[in-house]
Amino acid sequence: MLKWFSISGIRKEIKRIRWPKAKDLFANSATVIMFTVLFGIFFLLCELVASGFLTVIGL
């Protein structure tokens, strides 16, 4: 049987986890939210350009 596949092995692995600090968590979350908003704006602009082009050519 594998040593890590036991209660004591799991506890040992949990103690090795490096949990992020609040400052790091906030910075990473802000980065993800910023990129999500920017990509949303980018795709909205692409949709507006594409629909405008299709309107101009009469489709």
C-alpha atoms as a PDB file:
ATOM      1  CA  MET A   1       0.000   0.000   0.000  1.00  0.00           C
ATOM      2  CA  LEU A   2       1.205   3.493  -0.784  1.00  0.00           C
ATOM      3  CA  LYS A   3       2.392   5.518   2.203  1.00  0.00           C
ATOM      4  CA  TRP A   4       0.842   8.753   0.995  1.00  0.00           C
ATOM      5  CA  PHE A   5      -2.513   7.008   0.582  1.00  0.00           C
ATOM      6  CA  SER A   6      -3.211   6.904   4.295  1.00  0.00           C
ATOM      7  CA  ILE A   7      -4.468   9.338   6.907  1.00  0.00           C
ATOM      8  CA  SER A   8      -0.956  10.070   8.201  1.00  0.00           C
ATOM      9  CA  GLY A   9       0.372  10.513   4.642  1.00  0.00           C
ATOM     10  CA  ILE A  10      -2.445  12.885   3.762  1.00  0.00           C
ATOM     11  CA  ARG A  11      -1.827  14.934   6.923  1.00  0.00           C
ATOM     12  CA  LYS A  12       1.864  15.121   6.067  1.00  0.00           C
ATOM     13  CA  GLU A  13       1.113  16.356   2.543  1.00  0.00           C
ATOM     14  CA  ILE A  14      -1.392  18.948   3.823  1.00  0.00           C
ATOM     15  CA  LYS A  15       1.304  20.381   6.108  1.00  0.00           C
ATOM     16  CA  ARG A  16       3.568  20.866   3.052  1.00  0.00           C
ATOM     17  CA  ILE A  17       1.044  23.048   1.240  1.00  0.00           C
ATOM     18  CA  ARG A  18       2.107  26.689   0.887  1.00  0.00           C
ATOM     19  CA  TRP A  19      -1.119  28.630   1.157  1.00  0.00           C
ATOM     20  CA  PRO A  20      -1.087  32.070  -0.544  1.00  0.00           C
ATOM     21  CA  LYS A  21      -0.902  35.192   1.568  1.00  0.00           C
ATOM     22  CA  ALA A  22      -3.880  37.557   1.489  1.00  0.00           C
ATOM     23  CA  LYS A  23      -1.859  40.156  -0.461  1.00  0.00           C
ATOM     24  CA  ASP A  24      -0.907  37.604  -3.147  1.00  0.00           C
ATOM     25  CA  LEU A  25      -4.463  36.305  -3.343  1.00  0.00           C
ATOM     26  CA  PHE A  26      -5.824  39.842  -3.818  1.00  0.00           C
ATOM     27  CA  ALA A  27      -3.256  40.661  -6.514  1.00  0.00           C
ATOM     28  CA  ASN A  28      -3.933  37.443  -8.434  1.00  0.00           C
ATOM     29  CA  SER A  29      -7.699  37.912  -8.169  1.00  0.00           C
ATOM     30  CA  ALA A  30      -7.437  41.508  -9.408  1.00  0.00           C
ATOM     31  CA  THR A  31      -5.335  40.349 -12.369  1.00  0.00           C
ATOM     32  CA  VAL A  32      -7.870  37.679 -13.330  1.00  0.00           C
ATOM     33  CA  ILE A  33     -10.798  40.098 -13.040  1.00  0.00           C
ATOM     34  CA  MET A  34      -8.947  42.765 -15.066  1.00  0.00           C
ATOM     35  CA  PHE A  35      -8.123  40.358 -17.900  1.00  0.00           C
ATOM     36  CA  THR A  36     -11.688  39.002 -17.893  1.00  0.00           C
ATOM     37  CA  VAL A  37     -13.098  42.514 -18.270  1.00  0.00           C
ATOM     38  CA  LEU A  38     -10.563  43.415 -20.977  1.00  0.00           C
ATOM     39  CA  PHE A  39     -11.305  40.259 -22.959  1.00  0.00           C
ATOM     40  CA  GLY A  40     -15.028  40.947 -22.598  1.00  0.00           C
ATOM     41  CA  ILE A  41     -14.556  44.447 -24.014  1.00  0.00           C
ATOM     42  CA  PHE A  42     -12.350  43.059 -26.816  1.00  0.00           C
ATOM     43  CA  PHE A  43     -14.954  40.495 -27.866  1.00  0.00           C
ATOM     44  CA  LEU A  44     -17.737  43.085 -27.655  1.00  0.00           C
ATOM     45  CA  LEU A  45     -15.784  45.385 -29.981  1.00  0.00           C
ATOM     46  CA  CYS A  46     -15.111  42.470 -32.359  1.00  0.00           C
ATOM     47  CA  GLU A  47     -18.830  41.687 -32.430  1.00  0.00           C
ATOM     48  CA  LEU A  48     -19.725  45.319 -33.127  1.00  0.00           C
ATOM     49  CA  VAL A  49     -17.177  45.570 -35.954  1.00  0.00           C
ATOM     50  CA  ALA A  50     -18.342  42.280 -37.491  1.00  0.00           C
ATOM     51  CA  SER A  51     -22.028  43.193 -37.299  1.00  0.00           C
ATOM     52  CA  GLY A  52     -21.299  46.659 -38.712  1.00  0.00           C
ATOM     53  CA  PHE A  53     -19.366  45.114 -41.599  1.00  0.00           C
ATOM     54  CA  LEU A  54     -22.181  42.684 -42.334  1.00  0.00           C
ATOM     55  CA  THR A  55     -24.684  45.554 -42.270  1.00  0.00           C
ATOM     56  CA  VAL A  56     -22.549  47.578 -44.713  1.00  0.00           C
ATOM     57  CA  ILE A  57     -22.333  44.696 -47.219  1.00  0.00           C
ATOM     58  CA  GLY A  58     -26.071  44.081 -46.920  1.00  0.00           C
ATOM     59  CA  LEU A  59     -26.294  40.771 -45.109  1.00  0.00           C
END
